[in-house]
C-alpha atoms as a PDB file:
ATOM      1  CA  UNK A   1      -0.001  -0.002   0.001  1.00  0.00           C
ATOM      2  CA  UNK A   2       2.843   2.424   0.782  1.00  0.00           C
ATOM      3  CA  UNK A   3       4.425   1.842  -2.616  1.00  0.00           C
ATOM      4  CA  UNK A   4       1.172   2.758  -4.405  1.00  0.00           C
ATOM      5  CA  UNK A   5       0.727   5.947  -2.386  1.00  0.00           C
ATOM      6  CA  UNK A   6       4.337   6.953  -3.016  1.00  0.00           C
ATOM      7  CA  UNK A   7       3.930   6.246  -6.742  1.00  0.00           C
ATOM      8  CA  UNK A   8       0.789   8.419  -6.846  1.00  0.00           C
ATOM      9  CA  UNK A   9       2.561  11.234  -5.021  1.00  0.00           C
ATOM     10  CA  UNK A  10       5.474  11.123  -7.484  1.00  0.00           C
ATOM     11  CA  UNK A  11       3.088  11.086 -10.456  1.00  0.00           C
ATOM     12  CA  UNK A  12       1.088  13.997  -9.038  1.00  0.00           C
ATOM     13  CA  UNK A  13       4.166  16.100  -8.320  1.00  0.00           C
ATOM     14  CA  UNK A  14       5.620  15.541 -11.814  1.00  0.00           C
ATOM     15  CA  UNK A  15       2.367  16.767 -13.420  1.00  0.00           C
ATOM     16  CA  UNK A  16       3.407  20.392 -12.919  1.00  0.00           C
ATOM     17  CA  UNK A  17       3.769  22.234 -16.239  1.00  0.00           C
ATOM     18  CA  UNK A  18       5.094  25.583 -14.988  1.00  0.00           C
ATOM     19  CA  UNK A  19       7.625  26.390 -12.307  1.00  0.00           C
ATOM     20  CA  UNK A  20       8.147  29.879 -10.929  1.00  0.00           C
ATOM     21  CA  UNK A  21      10.828  31.284  -8.638  1.00  0.00           C
ATOM     22  CA  UNK A  22      10.382  33.182  -5.403  1.00  0.00           C
ATOM     23  CA  UNK A  23      12.504  36.278  -4.722  1.00  0.00           C
ATOM     24  CA  UNK A  24      14.774  33.906  -2.746  1.00  0.00           C
ATOM     25  CA  UNK A  25      15.222  31.893  -5.999  1.00  0.00           C
ATOM     26  CA  UNK A  26      13.272  28.841  -4.734  1.00  0.00           C
ATOM     27  CA  UNK A  27      11.378  27.017  -7.493  1.00  0.00           C
ATOM     28  CA  UNK A  28       7.760  26.012  -6.907  1.00  0.00           C
ATOM     29  CA  UNK A  29       4.915  24.676  -9.060  1.00  0.00           C
ATOM     30  CA  UNK A  30       2.824  27.648 -10.203  1.00  0.00           C
ATOM     31  CA  UNK A  31       0.502  26.181 -12.831  1.00  0.00           C
ATOM     32  CA  UNK A  32      -2.538  26.282 -10.536  1.00  0.00           C
ATOM     33  CA  UNK A  33      -3.855  23.076 -12.119  1.00  0.00           C
ATOM     34  CA  UNK A  34      -5.289  25.017 -15.087  1.00  0.00           C
ATOM     35  CA  UNK A  35      -4.651  25.150 -18.804  1.00  0.00           C
ATOM     36  CA  UNK A  36      -3.160  28.488 -19.836  1.00  0.00           C
ATOM     37  CA  UNK A  37      -2.488  30.254 -23.094  1.00  0.00           C
ATOM     38  CA  UNK A  38       1.034  30.201 -24.478  1.00  0.00           C
ATOM     39  CA  UNK A  39       3.650  31.956 -22.346  1.00  0.00           C
ATOM     40  CA  UNK A  40       4.038  35.617 -23.233  1.00  0.00           C
ATOM     41  CA  UNK A  41       5.547  38.740 -21.729  1.00  0.00           C
ATOM     42  CA  UNK A  42       3.486  41.891 -21.235  1.00  0.00           C
ATOM     43  CA  UNK A  43       4.843  45.425 -21.201  1.00  0.00           C
ATOM     44  CA  UNK A  44       5.582  47.164 -17.930  1.00  0.00           C
ATOM     45  CA  UNK A  45       7.017  46.051 -14.613  1.00  0.00           C
ATOM     46  CA  UNK A  46       5.710  44.381 -11.485  1.00  0.00           C
ATOM     47  CA  UNK A  47       4.641  46.812  -8.763  1.00  0.00           C
ATOM     48  CA  UNK A  48       6.763  47.347  -5.657  1.00  0.00           C
ATOM     49  CA  UNK A  49       6.588  44.662  -2.972  1.00  0.00           C
ATOM     50  CA  UNK A  50       3.947  45.476  -0.351  1.00  0.00           C
ATOM     51  CA  UNK A  51       4.981  46.584   3.085  1.00  0.00           C
ATOM     52  CA  UNK A  52       1.839  45.145   4.704  1.00  0.00           C
ATOM     53  CA  UNK A  53      -0.535  42.366   3.729  1.00  0.00           C
ATOM     54  CA  UNK A  54      -4.208  43.156   3.180  1.00  0.00           C
ATOM     55  CA  UNK A  55      -6.907  40.749   4.305  1.00  0.00           C
ATOM     56  CA  UNK A  56      -8.532  38.778   1.541  1.00  0.00           C
ATOM     57  CA  UNK A  57     -12.163  37.699   1.528  1.00  0.00           C
ATOM     58  CA  UNK A  58     -13.206  34.300   0.262  1.00  0.00           C
ATOM     59  CA  UNK A  59     -11.895  34.997  -3.260  1.00  0.00           C
ATOM     60  CA  UNK A  60      -8.123  34.919  -3.023  1.00  0.00           C
ATOM     61  CA  UNK A  61      -6.199  35.910  -6.171  1.00  0.00           C
ATOM     62  CA  UNK A  62      -5.394  32.991  -8.479  1.00  0.00           C
ATOM     63  CA  UNK A  63      -1.944  31.628  -9.137  1.00  0.00           C
ATOM     64  CA  UNK A  64      -0.404  32.469 -12.548  1.00  0.00           C
ATOM     65  CA  UNK A  65       2.607  30.886 -14.270  1.00  0.00           C
ATOM     66  CA  UNK A  66       3.366  33.723 -16.748  1.00  0.00           C
ATOM     67  CA  UNK A  67       2.013  37.028 -18.109  1.00  0.00           C
ATOM     68  CA  UNK A  68      -0.065  35.173 -20.733  1.00  0.00           C
ATOM     69  CA  UNK A  69      -2.392  33.997 -17.940  1.00  0.00           C
ATOM     70  CA  UNK A  70      -3.147  37.640 -17.029  1.00  0.00           C
ATOM     71  CA  UNK A  71      -5.132  40.470 -18.605  1.00  0.00           C
ATOM     72  CA  UNK A  72      -3.252  42.477 -21.278  1.00  0.00           C
ATOM     73  CA  UNK A  73      -2.200  45.297 -18.905  1.00  0.00           C
ATOM     74  CA  UNK A  74      -1.218  42.987 -16.054  1.00  0.00           C
ATOM     75  CA  UNK A  75       1.930  41.085 -15.139  1.00  0.00           C
ATOM     76  CA  UNK A  76       2.394  37.769 -13.331  1.00  0.00           C
ATOM     77  CA  UNK A  77       4.322  38.852 -10.204  1.00  0.00           C
ATOM     78  CA  UNK A  78       5.316  37.159  -6.965  1.00  0.00           C
ATOM     79  CA  UNK A  79       3.236  38.315  -4.003  1.00  0.00           C
ATOM     80  CA  UNK A  80       4.941  37.921  -0.622  1.00  0.00           C
ATOM     81  CA  UNK A  81       1.620  37.975   1.212  1.00  0.00           C
ATOM     82  CA  UNK A  82       0.134  35.163  -0.866  1.00  0.00           C
ATOM     83  CA  UNK A  83       3.365  33.228  -1.246  1.00  0.00           C
ATOM     84  CA  UNK A  84       2.854  32.704  -4.995  1.00  0.00           C
ATOM     85  CA  UNK A  85       2.723  34.524  -8.326  1.00  0.00           C
ATOM     86  CA  UNK A  86      -0.531  36.336  -9.099  1.00  0.00           C
ATOM     87  CA  UNK A  87      -1.739  38.800 -11.754  1.00  0.00           C
ATOM     88  CA  UNK A  88      -1.094  42.419 -10.826  1.00  0.00           C
ATOM     89  CA  UNK A  89      -1.658  45.629 -12.753  1.00  0.00           C
ATOM     90  CA  UNK A  90       1.575  46.452 -14.592  1.00  0.00           C
ATOM     91  CA  UNK A  91       3.494  49.572 -13.662  1.00  0.00           C
ATOM     92  CA  UNK A  92       4.980  51.699 -16.421  1.00  0.00           C
ATOM     93  CA  UNK A  93       8.756  51.725 -16.094  1.00  0.00           C
ATOM     94  CA  UNK A  94      10.162  54.991 -14.780  1.00  0.00           C
ATOM     95  CA  UNK A  95      13.069  55.869 -17.016  1.00  0.00           C
ATOM     96  CA  UNK A  96      13.754  58.804 -19.267  1.00  0.00           C
ATOM     97  CA  UNK A  97      13.669  58.335 -22.963  1.00  0.00           C
ATOM     98  CA  UNK A  98      16.103  60.525 -24.852  1.00  0.00           C
ATOM     99  CA  UNK A  99      14.540  61.661 -28.120  1.00  0.00           C
ATOM    100  CA  UNK A 100      16.500  60.773 -31.218  1.00  0.00           C
ATOM    101  CA  UNK A 101      18.799  63.451 -32.541  1.00  0.00           C
ATOM    102  CA  UNK A 102      17.538  64.915 -35.780  1.00  0.00           C
ATOM    103  CA  UNK A 103      20.032  66.749 -37.904  1.00  0.00           C
ATOM    104  CA  UNK A 104      18.951  70.124 -39.254  1.00  0.00           C
ATOM    105  CA  UNK A 105      17.908  70.060 -42.850  1.00  0.00           C
ATOM    106  CA  UNK A 106      20.277  71.930 -45.119  1.00  0.00           C
ATOM    107  CA  UNK A 107      19.012  73.883 -48.098  1.00  0.00           C
ATOM    108  CA  UNK A 108      21.138  74.271 -51.120  1.00  0.00           C
ATOM    109  CA  UNK A 109      22.834  77.673 -51.061  1.00  0.00           C
ATOM    110  CA  UNK A 110      21.435  80.255 -53.415  1.00  0.00           C
ATOM    111  CA  UNK A 111      23.838  81.380 -56.047  1.00  0.00           C
ATOM    112  CA  UNK A 112      23.354  85.171 -56.171  1.00  0.00           C
ATOM    113  CA  UNK A 113      24.426  85.437 -59.786  1.00  0.00           C
ATOM    114  CA  UNK A 114      21.878  82.858 -60.938  1.00  0.00           C
ATOM    115  CA  UNK A 115      19.185  84.513 -58.788  1.00  0.00           C
ATOM    116  CA  UNK A 116      19.866  87.929 -60.318  1.00  0.00           C
ATOM    117  CA  UNK A 117      19.925  86.552 -63.873  1.00  0.00           C
ATOM    118  CA  UNK A 118      16.572  84.809 -63.335  1.00  0.00           C
ATOM    119  CA  UNK A 119      15.059  88.012 -61.965  1.00  0.00           C
ATOM    120  CA  UNK A 120      16.258  89.993 -64.992  1.00  0.00           C
ATOM    121  CA  UNK A 121      14.928  87.336 -67.380  1.00  0.00           C
ATOM    122  CA  UNK A 122      11.512  87.543 -65.667  1.00  0.00           C
ATOM    123  CA  UNK A 123      11.430  91.294 -66.193  1.00  0.00           C
ATOM    124  CA  UNK A 124      12.248  92.232 -62.643  1.00  0.00           C
ATOM    125  CA  UNK A 125      15.039  94.284 -61.188  1.00  0.00           C
ATOM    126  CA  UNK A 126      17.936  92.502 -59.615  1.00  0.00           C
END
């Protein structure tokens, strides 16, 4: 009987499809037992780590293995209060973008002699 239970435990633990890492670099199964879309990376960054943990009602946030399991403007981030990755609203990175340098356009210089000749040919005074 012990061999069967052990075999079932090994089979159940190897069924994990996605592994995530905690901030301490410890790997854990984060697939939540669901089927997810293909892994993808959304724009933005994870928000700062909370300083205090809020109380959750009966609906705790779900586990996510990657950004593809979250809404388009969310990221899959580790939450220290929950102890797993969960979808959080992405934060826009705070860095300065230097605009590209555009060189001034140069016009061809006007040849005064040609300008004067054209004016005379048009009946004008130079």
